[in-house]
């Protein structure tokens, strides 16, 4: 009989995880470490998820990686040694799907074109679709409808970026996420060094180019040919050189995982992350990595599993735990599929369930999710707030093979939850179909405290529930200080600026004042209990109670702790029994 290969389950470290940018408190990681050394922070965190401005990056607050070297402005090797001395293990990101256009690989491609060593490091859109679509009038192939209908869009247009090679050819590359091409002002002086160029003609050409770029955002091949024909003493090569000199790219370019060169890059990167002291690696945007004509560009099978298996083999070589980061509807069951393959999962269901439970005063949806976690032996990392938005799509049901698989909340309850958060100042992020039509809310951007209506008692209970959940609790630094929506930051118009509503930098005065507030001190007390009590290394028990109540208990031979909460009034107690009878530790 053939042996069945059983996936090896990766085990997460225990304890409570802090989540922040290197400069979320103060102006660099050193000042964040000074914060962690304060006596108030003793025994609070065992883990630290440091967001990827840790590396050199440009867009999306770190998730557009230039390279995986330390960002010297924010992080030093000495900082990493100090974290090790504090006994805090590190979690870092590997952004699997893409690199910045400013990465050494893409810069080399821009400079050398077809002669670049990185010609196949990124996905040539037209080469990918050459047998599955039709060349359109704008220098790129439009996939046939049967293929394009399967594409999952993160922006309301085809996922591509065009660039002009040094030989003048216009090339198109796959770009799932952000992209932008900017031109500095074109003027007559850009053509003044061209031999025989008349000043009047140079001015007319510059004006014409400005109109075309304003209209189209770039020069298509037909535009180049037309302008070169009309310009006196202007060759196509001179025109391209003048215009490209004024061009600047921004964007996150998809990597070509069909290339062994990319896999060598992953291997080198994981080795480097381990040298930084990382123990856990979050695989950002992994579900977009495997692409195949006729398959969805999001978590297609079996290709995605083949890639993950190969990545896990590399990670095991460096003694790293990897876990995939994915947003998907509960009804799709992808979280269970990932867990069955032995991977921990991010608990993106928890934040919306807590908001629903505290707003409606009902426990059934939250208890259903706790039951799922326990029955399926799911290893989870959960959170309230995070660097991203509050997930809502994740809670939904979905049609699978003609059968509706329900979500954790009904569509009506999800819509009500979303509307309450928006009414409290939240901002929305949408998804799109292949035709650019908005199809769903993806998440709502807000601080978790503001999403709760800035009700301190709700935040206390939310934190208590999180500390009693199965899995590893991850704490967003701003939630700890009951941060409120930062509308000024969100309105500054930067890339993904809506996310800045929940990324306020805290300075020394903010920390000093915050540590005097009861809402901060109470959360610290709850977090320290979870991080240090032996009870949480034992077994969890859900105690039967009324629908408006929640009672959770952790039992270990050395101690047990129990949370008893009223979801209507938001009052709760935490008691502990170390063998001498139960004593109330906290009552709010």
Protein backbone atom coordinates (compact mmCIF):
# COMPACT_ATOMS: atom_id res chain seq x y z
CA UNK A 1 0.00 0.00 0.00
CA UNK A 2 1.32 3.44 -0.94
CA UNK A 3 2.19 5.66 1.99
CA UNK A 4 0.26 8.89 2.34
CA UNK A 5 2.38 11.95 3.05
CA UNK A 6 1.07 13.73 6.14
CA UNK A 7 2.00 17.43 6.39
CA UNK A 8 4.18 18.30 9.36
CA UNK A 9 2.43 20.87 11.54
CA UNK A 10 4.53 23.90 12.34
CA UNK A 11 4.27 24.98 15.98
CA UNK A 12 3.98 28.64 16.88
CA UNK A 13 5.89 30.00 19.89
CA UNK A 14 3.73 30.85 22.90
CA UNK A 15 3.17 34.23 24.48
CA UNK A 16 1.74 37.60 23.43
CA UNK A 17 2.99 39.37 20.30
CA UNK A 18 3.49 43.11 19.87
CA UNK A 19 2.79 44.51 16.39
CA UNK A 20 4.31 47.82 15.25
CA UNK A 21 6.52 49.59 12.75
CA UNK A 22 10.13 50.16 13.83
CA UNK A 23 9.27 53.84 14.34
CA UNK A 24 5.72 53.51 15.71
CA UNK A 25 6.99 54.67 19.10
CA UNK A 26 9.64 57.37 18.89
CA UNK A 27 11.56 57.64 15.64
CA UNK A 28 13.33 54.27 15.30
CA UNK A 29 13.52 50.73 16.65
CA UNK A 30 15.99 51.78 19.34
CA UNK A 31 13.37 54.05 20.92
CA UNK A 32 10.78 51.29 20.62
CA UNK A 33 13.16 49.02 22.55
CA UNK A 34 13.61 51.73 25.20
CA UNK A 35 9.83 51.61 25.57
CA UNK A 36 9.90 47.82 25.97
CA UNK A 37 12.56 48.16 28.67
CA UNK A 38 10.32 50.33 30.84
CA UNK A 39 9.23 48.64 34.09
CA UNK A 40 5.58 48.92 33.03
CA UNK A 41 6.37 46.66 30.05
CA UNK A 42 8.09 43.90 32.04
CA UNK A 43 6.81 40.41 31.11
CA UNK A 44 4.29 41.85 28.67
CA UNK A 45 5.45 40.54 25.27
CA UNK A 46 7.36 37.44 24.21
CA UNK A 47 7.12 38.12 20.47
CA UNK A 48 7.38 41.19 18.22
CA UNK A 49 6.01 41.41 14.69
CA UNK A 50 8.05 44.24 13.16
CA UNK A 51 6.48 45.62 9.99
CA UNK A 52 8.57 45.84 6.80
CA UNK A 53 9.82 49.40 6.92
CA UNK A 54 12.39 47.28 8.78
CA UNK A 55 13.78 46.86 5.23
CA UNK A 56 14.38 49.31 2.39
CA UNK A 57 10.99 50.08 0.86
CA UNK A 58 9.09 52.88 -0.84
CA UNK A 59 5.28 52.41 -1.07
CA UNK A 60 2.45 50.97 0.98
CA UNK A 61 4.24 51.69 4.26
CA UNK A 62 6.85 49.00 3.76
CA UNK A 63 5.09 46.38 1.66
CA UNK A 64 6.79 47.52 -1.54
CA UNK A 65 10.23 46.09 -0.80
CA UNK A 66 13.32 47.50 -2.53
CA UNK A 67 15.63 45.00 -0.85
CA UNK A 68 15.73 43.01 2.39
CA UNK A 69 18.75 44.78 3.86
CA UNK A 70 18.22 46.61 7.14
CA UNK A 71 16.77 50.10 6.80
CA UNK A 72 19.64 51.87 8.57
CA UNK A 73 17.49 54.92 9.31
CA UNK A 74 15.24 52.84 11.54
CA UNK A 75 17.02 49.59 12.49
CA UNK A 76 20.54 48.61 13.56
CA UNK A 77 22.13 45.23 14.32
CA UNK A 78 22.48 46.42 17.93
CA UNK A 79 18.69 46.80 18.14
CA UNK A 80 18.25 43.16 17.18
CA UNK A 81 20.74 42.08 19.84
CA UNK A 82 18.80 44.08 22.44
CA UNK A 83 15.55 42.32 21.51
CA UNK A 84 17.33 39.00 21.95
CA UNK A 85 18.52 40.08 25.41
CA UNK A 86 14.93 40.92 26.31
CA UNK A 87 13.87 37.40 25.34
CA UNK A 88 11.61 38.70 22.57
CA UNK A 89 11.45 36.62 19.40
CA UNK A 90 10.89 38.37 16.08
CA UNK A 91 8.37 37.89 13.29
CA UNK A 92 9.09 39.44 9.88
CA UNK A 93 7.50 39.56 6.42
CA UNK A 94 8.49 37.96 3.15
CA UNK A 95 6.42 39.71 0.48
CA UNK A 96 6.22 36.81 -1.94
CA UNK A 97 4.30 38.22 -4.87
CA UNK A 98 6.17 41.41 -5.70
CA UNK A 99 9.13 43.77 -5.40
CA UNK A 100 9.35 47.53 -5.84
CA UNK A 101 10.18 49.02 -9.25
CA UNK A 102 13.15 50.51 -7.36
CA UNK A 103 14.51 47.08 -6.50
CA UNK A 104 17.96 46.36 -7.97
CA UNK A 105 16.41 43.71 -10.19
CA UNK A 106 13.80 45.97 -11.77
CA UNK A 107 16.19 48.91 -12.07
CA UNK A 108 18.55 46.63 -13.98
CA UNK A 109 15.66 45.64 -16.26
CA UNK A 110 14.81 49.30 -16.93
CA UNK A 111 18.40 50.16 -17.72
CA UNK A 112 19.34 47.15 -19.86
CA UNK A 113 16.06 45.90 -21.27
CA UNK A 114 16.36 42.56 -23.07
CA UNK A 115 20.03 42.38 -22.12
CA UNK A 116 19.23 42.42 -18.38
CA UNK A 117 20.06 39.39 -16.27
CA UNK A 118 16.62 39.91 -14.72
CA UNK A 119 14.66 39.73 -17.99
CA UNK A 120 12.62 36.79 -16.60
CA UNK A 121 12.59 37.81 -12.94
CA UNK A 122 9.27 39.62 -13.44
CA UNK A 123 6.22 38.53 -15.46
CA UNK A 124 6.13 39.71 -19.07
CA UNK A 125 2.38 40.25 -19.53
CA UNK A 126 2.32 39.83 -23.29
CA UNK A 127 4.51 36.71 -23.18
CA UNK A 128 2.26 35.21 -20.48
CA UNK A 129 -0.95 35.81 -22.46
CA UNK A 130 0.38 35.42 -26.03
CA UNK A 131 -1.70 32.31 -26.76
CA UNK A 132 -4.74 33.38 -24.76
CA UNK A 133 -5.74 36.82 -25.95
CA UNK A 134 -5.60 39.53 -28.61
CA UNK A 135 -3.16 42.41 -28.97
CA UNK A 136 -5.04 45.63 -28.31
CA UNK A 137 -4.36 49.10 -29.70
CA UNK A 138 -2.30 50.11 -26.66
CA UNK A 139 0.64 47.70 -26.91
CA UNK A 140 -0.71 45.02 -24.58
CA UNK A 141 -2.62 41.79 -24.99
CA UNK A 142 -6.19 41.69 -23.70
CA UNK A 143 -6.88 38.14 -22.46
CA UNK A 144 -9.90 36.34 -23.92
CA UNK A 145 -13.07 36.69 -21.86
CA UNK A 146 -12.95 33.13 -20.56
CA UNK A 147 -9.58 33.94 -19.01
CA UNK A 148 -10.12 37.50 -17.89
CA UNK A 149 -13.33 36.60 -16.06
CA UNK A 150 -11.27 34.46 -13.69
CA UNK A 151 -8.94 37.28 -12.67
CA UNK A 152 -9.30 38.66 -9.16
CA UNK A 153 -8.58 42.40 -9.17
CA UNK A 154 -7.10 44.62 -6.47
CA UNK A 155 -7.63 47.77 -8.58
CA UNK A 156 -10.19 48.82 -11.21
CA UNK A 157 -8.11 48.08 -14.33
CA UNK A 158 -5.94 45.34 -15.81
CA UNK A 159 -3.01 44.48 -13.51
CA UNK A 160 -0.17 45.72 -15.68
CA UNK A 161 2.54 48.36 -15.97
CA UNK A 162 4.14 49.49 -19.22
CA UNK A 163 7.78 50.44 -19.54
CA UNK A 164 9.97 51.38 -22.46
CA UNK A 165 13.18 49.44 -22.98
CA UNK A 166 16.36 51.20 -24.15
CA UNK A 167 15.75 49.86 -27.68
CA UNK A 168 12.53 51.88 -27.80
CA UNK A 169 10.15 48.91 -27.49
CA UNK A 170 7.20 49.24 -25.10
CA UNK A 171 6.99 46.28 -22.73
CA UNK A 172 4.17 45.30 -20.38
CA UNK A 173 4.66 43.62 -16.99
CA UNK A 174 2.21 42.08 -14.53
CA UNK A 175 1.38 44.39 -11.66
CA UNK A 176 -1.34 43.13 -9.28
CA UNK A 177 -1.13 45.93 -6.74
CA UNK A 178 -0.04 49.56 -6.90
CA UNK A 179 1.53 51.22 -9.93
CA UNK A 180 2.08 54.76 -11.11
CA UNK A 181 4.16 56.40 -13.85
CA UNK A 182 4.92 60.07 -13.34
CA UNK A 183 6.52 62.48 -15.78
CA UNK A 184 8.30 65.59 -14.68
CA UNK A 185 7.35 68.61 -16.76
CA UNK A 186 8.38 68.11 -20.39
CA UNK A 187 9.75 71.33 -21.87
CA UNK A 188 11.61 72.60 -24.92
CA UNK A 189 14.96 72.38 -23.13
CA UNK A 190 14.64 68.58 -23.12
CA UNK A 191 15.28 68.68 -26.88
CA UNK A 192 17.78 71.53 -27.04
CA UNK A 193 20.81 69.25 -27.35
CA UNK A 194 19.44 67.53 -30.45
CA UNK A 195 21.50 68.70 -33.40
CA UNK A 196 19.59 70.97 -35.78
CA UNK A 197 16.50 71.23 -33.53
CA UNK A 198 14.68 74.51 -34.06
CA UNK A 199 13.59 76.21 -30.77
CA UNK A 200 10.05 76.73 -32.07
CA UNK A 201 9.77 73.09 -33.14
CA UNK A 202 11.17 71.96 -29.77
CA UNK A 203 8.50 73.99 -27.96
CA UNK A 204 5.73 72.58 -30.16
CA UNK A 205 6.92 69.01 -29.63
CA UNK A 206 7.11 69.50 -25.86
CA UNK A 207 3.59 70.95 -25.76
CA UNK A 208 2.25 68.07 -27.84
CA UNK A 209 3.90 65.45 -25.63
CA UNK A 210 2.47 67.08 -22.52
CA UNK A 211 -1.04 66.84 -23.98
CA UNK A 212 -0.60 63.14 -24.90
CA UNK A 213 0.82 62.23 -21.48
CA UNK A 214 -1.94 64.12 -19.68
CA UNK A 215 -4.53 62.28 -21.77
CA UNK A 216 -3.05 58.76 -21.71
CA UNK A 217 -0.57 58.81 -18.83
CA UNK A 218 2.21 57.68 -21.16
CA UNK A 219 3.35 57.60 -24.81
CA UNK A 220 2.10 54.58 -26.72
CA UNK A 221 4.17 53.24 -29.62
CA UNK A 222 1.89 54.91 -32.18
CA UNK A 223 2.40 58.28 -30.46
CA UNK A 224 6.18 57.91 -30.63
CA UNK A 225 6.05 57.09 -34.34
CA UNK A 226 3.72 60.03 -35.07
CA UNK A 227 5.75 62.61 -33.15
CA UNK A 228 9.05 61.37 -34.60
CA UNK A 229 7.65 61.66 -38.14
CA UNK A 230 6.41 65.20 -37.56
CA UNK A 231 9.45 66.53 -35.71
CA UNK A 232 12.18 68.29 -37.63
CA UNK A 233 15.52 66.48 -37.11
CA UNK A 234 13.92 64.34 -34.39
CA UNK A 235 14.57 60.61 -34.45
CA UNK A 236 12.50 58.10 -32.53
CA UNK A 237 15.58 57.28 -30.42
CA UNK A 238 16.11 60.95 -29.50
CA UNK A 239 12.45 61.32 -28.55
CA UNK A 240 12.46 58.23 -26.34
CA UNK A 241 15.68 59.29 -24.61
CA UNK A 242 14.30 62.76 -23.87
CA UNK A 243 10.97 61.53 -22.51
CA UNK A 244 12.34 58.58 -20.50
CA UNK A 245 14.77 60.93 -18.81
CA UNK A 246 11.76 62.71 -17.27
CA UNK A 247 9.90 59.54 -16.25
CA UNK A 248 9.62 58.03 -12.78
CA UNK A 249 8.03 54.70 -11.88
CA UNK A 250 6.34 53.70 -8.66
CA UNK A 251 4.87 50.29 -8.13
CA UNK A 252 5.00 46.73 -6.88
CA UNK A 253 5.95 44.38 -9.68
CA UNK A 254 4.86 40.72 -9.63
CA UNK A 255 7.67 38.17 -9.48
CA UNK A 256 7.87 35.34 -11.99
CA UNK A 257 7.87 32.27 -9.76
CA UNK A 258 8.38 30.09 -12.85
CA UNK A 259 11.97 31.35 -12.78
CA UNK A 260 14.57 29.49 -10.71
CA UNK A 261 16.26 32.85 -10.25
CA UNK A 262 13.26 33.95 -8.14
CA UNK A 263 13.51 30.82 -5.98
CA UNK A 264 17.18 31.51 -5.37
CA UNK A 265 16.11 34.99 -4.27
CA UNK A 266 13.57 33.51 -1.82
CA UNK A 267 16.22 31.19 -0.39
CA UNK A 268 18.70 34.03 0.08
CA UNK A 269 16.02 36.23 1.65
CA UNK A 270 14.87 33.61 4.16
CA UNK A 271 18.48 33.00 5.15
CA UNK A 272 18.92 36.74 5.69
CA UNK A 273 15.72 37.02 7.78
CA UNK A 274 16.93 34.19 10.02
CA UNK A 275 20.22 36.03 10.53
CA UNK A 276 18.20 39.03 11.74
CA UNK A 277 16.85 36.78 14.49
CA UNK A 278 13.44 36.07 12.96
CA UNK A 279 11.60 32.97 14.14
CA UNK A 280 8.28 33.43 12.32
CA UNK A 281 7.86 34.56 8.70
CA UNK A 282 4.55 35.91 7.46
CA UNK A 283 4.08 35.19 3.76
CA UNK A 284 2.46 38.37 2.51
CA UNK A 285 0.37 38.20 -0.70
CA UNK A 286 1.31 34.54 -1.22
CA UNK A 287 -2.08 33.67 -2.73
CA UNK A 288 -1.35 35.81 -5.81
CA UNK A 289 2.02 34.19 -6.57
CA UNK A 290 1.04 31.21 -8.70
CA UNK A 291 -0.40 32.30 -12.04
CA UNK A 292 -1.61 30.09 -14.88
CA UNK A 293 -3.85 30.92 -17.87
CA UNK A 294 -7.33 29.57 -17.27
CA UNK A 295 -6.90 29.57 -13.49
CA UNK A 296 -7.75 32.30 -10.97
CA UNK A 297 -4.78 34.50 -10.09
CA UNK A 298 -5.71 34.06 -6.41
CA UNK A 299 -5.02 30.80 -4.58
CA UNK A 300 -5.26 28.52 -7.58
CA UNK A 301 -4.73 24.82 -7.03
CA UNK A 302 -2.57 22.76 -7.08
CA UNK A 303 0.01 25.40 -8.02
CA UNK A 304 -0.30 27.40 -4.80
CA UNK A 305 0.24 24.28 -2.69
CA UNK A 306 3.28 23.29 -4.74
CA UNK A 307 4.83 26.71 -4.15
CA UNK A 308 4.05 26.62 -0.42
CA UNK A 309 5.55 23.16 -0.06
CA UNK A 310 8.73 24.35 -1.71
CA UNK A 311 8.86 27.45 0.50
CA UNK A 312 8.37 25.37 3.63
CA UNK A 313 11.31 23.20 2.61
CA UNK A 314 13.51 26.29 2.37
CA UNK A 315 12.18 27.64 5.68
CA UNK A 316 12.88 24.37 7.49
CA UNK A 317 16.49 24.62 6.34
CA UNK A 318 16.73 27.87 8.33
CA UNK A 319 14.57 26.70 11.28
CA UNK A 320 11.78 29.17 10.45
CA UNK A 321 8.02 28.89 10.95
CA UNK A 322 6.17 30.25 7.93
CA UNK A 323 2.50 31.01 7.73
CA UNK A 324 0.44 32.26 4.80
CA UNK A 325 -1.43 35.55 5.06
CA UNK A 326 -4.75 35.39 3.23
CA UNK A 327 -8.09 37.15 3.22
CA UNK A 328 -10.93 34.92 2.06
CA UNK A 329 -14.58 34.35 2.89
CA UNK A 330 -15.20 32.00 5.81
CA UNK A 331 -17.60 30.02 3.64
CA UNK A 332 -14.81 29.20 1.17
CA UNK A 333 -13.06 27.17 3.89
CA UNK A 334 -9.56 28.16 2.72
CA UNK A 335 -8.44 28.75 6.32
CA UNK A 336 -9.24 25.10 7.11
CA UNK A 337 -7.50 23.94 3.95
CA UNK A 338 -4.34 25.82 4.95
CA UNK A 339 -4.48 24.43 8.48
CA UNK A 340 -4.85 20.86 7.19
CA UNK A 341 -1.57 21.34 5.35
CA UNK A 342 0.11 22.05 8.69
CA UNK A 343 0.30 25.86 8.54
CA UNK A 344 -0.75 28.34 11.23
CA UNK A 345 -3.35 30.86 10.07
CA UNK A 346 -4.10 34.51 10.69
CA UNK A 347 -7.43 34.89 12.49
CA UNK A 348 -8.98 37.63 10.37
CA UNK A 349 -12.45 36.58 11.56
CA UNK A 350 -11.93 37.60 15.17
CA UNK A 351 -11.97 41.46 14.97
CA UNK A 352 -15.37 41.67 13.27
CA UNK A 353 -16.83 38.99 15.54
CA UNK A 354 -15.79 40.94 18.64
CA UNK A 355 -17.30 44.17 17.34
CA UNK A 356 -20.53 42.33 16.51
CA UNK A 357 -20.66 40.63 19.93
CA UNK A 358 -20.10 43.85 21.86
CA UNK A 359 -22.50 45.91 19.74
CA UNK A 360 -25.36 43.36 19.68
CA UNK A 361 -24.67 41.76 23.04
CA UNK A 362 -24.79 38.24 21.57
CA UNK A 363 -22.27 35.39 21.85
CA UNK A 364 -23.37 32.85 19.22
CA UNK A 365 -21.14 33.86 16.30
CA UNK A 366 -18.04 34.23 18.48
CA UNK A 367 -18.70 30.88 20.16
CA UNK A 368 -19.12 29.20 16.77
CA UNK A 369 -15.68 30.42 15.75
CA UNK A 370 -14.10 29.28 19.03
CA UNK A 371 -15.68 25.86 18.47
CA UNK A 372 -14.24 25.74 14.95
CA UNK A 373 -10.76 26.56 16.23
CA UNK A 374 -10.87 23.84 18.85
CA UNK A 375 -12.56 21.13 16.78
CA UNK A 376 -10.21 21.62 13.83
CA UNK A 377 -7.06 22.15 15.92
CA UNK A 378 -6.39 25.44 14.18
CA UNK A 379 -3.21 27.27 15.14
CA UNK A 380 -4.07 30.95 14.97
CA UNK A 381 -2.56 34.38 15.40
CA UNK A 382 -5.38 36.75 16.27
CA UNK A 383 -5.65 40.51 16.61
CA UNK A 384 -8.09 43.34 17.26
CA UNK A 385 -6.47 46.18 15.30
CA UNK A 386 -3.48 45.94 12.98
CA UNK A 387 -1.45 47.91 10.44
CA UNK A 388 -4.21 47.13 7.94
CA UNK A 389 -7.98 47.58 8.14
CA UNK A 390 -10.63 45.68 10.07
CA UNK A 391 -11.60 42.67 7.90
CA UNK A 392 -15.24 42.29 6.94
CA UNK A 393 -15.26 40.20 3.74
CA UNK A 394 -13.69 37.34 5.69
CA UNK A 395 -16.89 36.81 7.70
CA UNK A 396 -19.08 36.16 4.64
CA UNK A 397 -20.64 33.03 3.23
CA UNK A 398 -20.10 32.00 -0.39
CA UNK A 399 -21.48 29.79 -3.16
CA UNK A 400 -19.26 26.73 -3.66
CA UNK A 401 -20.16 24.34 -6.47
CA UNK A 402 -23.75 25.54 -6.54
CA UNK A 403 -24.16 25.19 -2.77
CA UNK A 404 -24.23 28.13 -0.39
CA UNK A 405 -21.83 27.76 2.51
CA UNK A 406 -22.81 30.21 5.25
CA UNK A 407 -20.47 32.68 6.89
CA UNK A 408 -19.88 33.41 10.55
CA UNK A 409 -22.25 36.35 10.22
CA UNK A 410 -25.13 36.87 7.82
CA UNK A 411 -24.70 39.46 5.06
CA UNK A 412 -27.22 41.64 6.90
CA UNK A 413 -25.22 41.57 10.14
CA UNK A 414 -21.98 42.22 8.25
CA UNK A 415 -23.53 45.23 6.53
CA UNK A 416 -24.77 46.53 9.88
CA UNK A 417 -21.30 46.10 11.42
CA UNK A 418 -19.64 47.88 8.51
CA UNK A 419 -22.12 50.75 8.64
CA UNK A 420 -21.59 51.22 12.38
CA UNK A 421 -17.82 51.43 11.90
CA UNK A 422 -18.26 53.90 9.03
CA UNK A 423 -20.66 55.96 11.14
CA UNK A 424 -17.92 56.03 13.79
CA UNK A 425 -15.45 57.44 11.24
CA UNK A 426 -14.09 54.39 9.41
CA UNK A 427 -12.97 54.41 5.77
CA UNK A 428 -13.62 51.61 3.28
CA UNK A 429 -11.48 49.60 0.87
CA UNK A 430 -13.14 47.87 -2.09
CA UNK A 431 -12.46 44.98 -4.47
CA UNK A 432 -13.21 44.93 -8.21
CA UNK A 433 -14.18 42.48 -10.92
CA UNK A 434 -12.29 42.17 -14.21
CA UNK A 435 -14.35 45.00 -15.72
CA UNK A 436 -13.46 47.46 -12.96
CA UNK A 437 -16.83 47.20 -11.23
CA UNK A 438 -16.79 47.45 -7.44
CA UNK A 439 -17.95 44.15 -6.00
CA UNK A 440 -17.39 44.19 -2.24
CA UNK A 441 -16.08 45.90 0.84
CA UNK A 442 -12.72 44.37 1.60
CA UNK A 443 -12.06 46.00 4.94
CA UNK A 444 -12.83 49.11 6.96
CA UNK A 445 -9.93 51.28 8.05
CA UNK A 446 -10.20 52.59 11.60
CA UNK A 447 -8.49 52.19 14.93
CA UNK A 448 -10.16 49.42 16.88
CA UNK A 449 -10.99 51.84 19.68
CA UNK A 450 -12.77 54.20 17.26
CA UNK A 451 -14.52 51.22 15.64
CA UNK A 452 -15.99 50.52 19.10
CA UNK A 453 -17.28 54.08 19.33
CA UNK A 454 -14.31 55.04 21.55
CA UNK A 455 -15.95 53.25 24.48
CA UNK A 456 -13.23 52.37 27.02
CA UNK A 457 -15.23 49.61 28.69
CA UNK A 458 -15.80 47.92 25.33
CA UNK A 459 -12.06 48.06 24.63
CA UNK A 460 -11.29 46.53 28.02
CA UNK A 461 -13.65 43.64 27.37
CA UNK A 462 -12.42 43.21 23.80
CA UNK A 463 -8.86 42.88 25.09
CA UNK A 464 -9.96 40.44 27.80
CA UNK A 465 -11.73 38.27 25.22
CA UNK A 466 -8.64 38.33 23.01
CA UNK A 467 -6.40 37.23 25.88
CA UNK A 468 -8.71 34.25 26.51
CA UNK A 469 -8.89 33.18 22.86
CA UNK A 470 -6.99 30.14 21.57
CA UNK A 471 -3.87 30.96 19.58
CA UNK A 472 -1.26 33.71 19.81
CA UNK A 473 -2.69 37.15 20.64
CA UNK A 474 -1.15 39.94 18.56
CA UNK A 475 -1.45 43.48 19.98
CA UNK A 476 -1.32 46.56 17.76
CA UNK A 477 0.67 49.22 19.61
CA UNK A 478 -1.93 51.94 19.00
CA UNK A 479 -4.75 49.82 20.45
CA UNK A 480 -2.76 49.46 23.66
CA UNK A 481 -2.92 53.25 24.02
CA UNK A 482 -6.58 53.49 22.94
CA UNK A 483 -5.63 55.38 19.81
CA UNK A 484 -8.32 57.22 17.85
CA UNK A 485 -8.76 57.75 14.11
CA UNK A 486 -6.10 59.99 12.60
CA UNK A 487 -8.09 61.77 9.89
CA UNK A 488 -5.32 64.25 9.07
CA UNK A 489 -2.93 61.41 8.17
CA UNK A 490 -5.61 59.63 6.13
CA UNK A 491 -6.35 62.78 4.15
CA UNK A 492 -2.78 63.56 3.12
CA UNK A 493 -3.29 61.69 -0.11
CA UNK A 494 -0.33 59.33 0.04
CA UNK A 495 -0.47 55.85 -1.47
CA UNK A 496 -2.93 53.78 0.56
CA UNK A 497 -3.43 56.89 2.66
CA UNK A 498 -6.69 55.58 4.11
CA UNK A 499 -4.63 53.07 6.11
CA UNK A 500 -2.75 55.87 7.85
CA UNK A 501 -5.88 56.49 9.93
CA UNK A 502 -4.56 53.77 12.26
CA UNK A 503 -0.78 54.29 12.15
CA UNK A 504 -0.18 57.34 14.32
CA UNK A 505 3.38 57.63 15.62
CA UNK A 506 3.50 57.91 19.41
CA UNK A 507 6.13 60.16 20.96
CA UNK A 508 7.61 60.18 24.45
CA UNK A 509 4.96 62.56 25.79
CA UNK A 510 2.20 60.32 24.37
CA UNK A 511 3.71 57.31 26.15
CA UNK A 512 4.11 59.15 29.46
CA UNK A 513 0.54 60.41 29.38
CA UNK A 514 -0.86 57.12 28.08
CA UNK A 515 0.69 55.02 30.83
CA UNK A 516 -1.23 57.10 33.38
CA UNK A 517 -4.62 56.24 31.83
CA UNK A 518 -6.68 53.46 33.39
CA UNK A 519 -7.63 52.00 29.99
CA UNK A 520 -3.93 51.51 29.23
CA UNK A 521 -3.01 50.15 32.65
CA UNK A 522 -5.96 47.72 32.59
CA UNK A 523 -4.96 46.32 29.19
CA UNK A 524 -1.38 45.89 30.40
CA UNK A 525 -2.64 43.89 33.36
CA UNK A 526 -4.66 41.60 31.08
CA UNK A 527 -1.80 41.11 28.63
CA UNK A 528 0.71 40.33 31.35
CA UNK A 529 -1.63 37.70 32.79
CA UNK A 530 -1.88 35.95 29.41
CA UNK A 531 1.85 36.15 28.78
CA UNK A 532 2.90 34.76 32.16
CA UNK A 533 0.18 32.57 33.69
CA UNK A 534 0.76 28.81 33.30
CA UNK A 535 -3.01 28.40 32.96
CA UNK A 536 -2.82 29.44 29.29
CA UNK A 537 -0.51 26.53 28.49
CA UNK A 538 -3.29 24.20 29.60
CA UNK A 539 -6.72 23.35 28.20
CA UNK A 540 -9.45 25.81 27.27
CA UNK A 541 -13.04 25.30 28.38
CA UNK A 542 -16.15 27.17 27.20
CA UNK A 543 -18.65 27.39 30.05
CA UNK A 544 -22.35 27.21 29.19
CA UNK A 545 -24.09 30.53 29.73
CA UNK A 546 -26.87 32.80 28.50
CA UNK A 547 -26.65 34.25 24.93
CA UNK A 548 -25.75 37.68 26.33
CA UNK A 549 -22.86 36.27 28.37
CA UNK A 550 -19.42 34.86 27.65
CA UNK A 551 -17.54 32.56 30.04
CA UNK A 552 -14.14 31.15 29.11
CA UNK A 553 -11.73 29.19 31.30
CA UNK A 554 -8.15 27.93 30.93
CA UNK A 555 -7.09 25.03 33.18
CA UNK A 556 -3.61 23.78 34.02
CA UNK A 557 -2.49 21.64 37.01
CA UNK A 558 -0.73 24.71 38.45
CA UNK A 559 -3.48 27.29 37.88
CA UNK A 560 -6.79 28.09 36.23
CA UNK A 561 -8.14 31.47 35.09
CA UNK A 562 -11.72 32.33 34.17
CA UNK A 563 -13.33 35.21 32.28
CA UNK A 564 -16.99 35.96 33.00
CA UNK A 565 -18.47 38.74 30.89
CA UNK A 566 -21.84 40.36 30.23
CA UNK A 567 -21.95 41.34 26.56
CA UNK A 568 -24.86 43.74 27.16
CA UNK A 569 -23.33 45.82 29.94
CA UNK A 570 -19.69 44.99 29.03
CA UNK A 571 -18.90 44.36 32.70
CA UNK A 572 -16.58 41.43 33.39
CA UNK A 573 -14.39 39.69 35.96
CA UNK A 574 -11.19 37.66 35.70
CA UNK A 575 -10.57 35.15 38.48
CA UNK A 576 -7.67 32.82 39.21
CA UNK A 577 -7.33 29.60 41.19
CA UNK A 578 -3.83 28.36 42.08
CA UNK A 579 -5.11 25.61 44.37
CA UNK A 580 -6.37 27.72 47.26
CA UNK A 581 -9.77 28.59 45.83
CA UNK A 582 -10.79 31.11 43.18
CA UNK A 583 -9.82 34.74 43.70
CA UNK A 584 -10.97 37.67 41.59
CA UNK A 585 -7.94 39.32 39.99
CA UNK A 586 -9.80 41.97 38.01
CA UNK A 587 -13.32 43.36 38.04
CA UNK A 588 -14.44 45.99 35.58
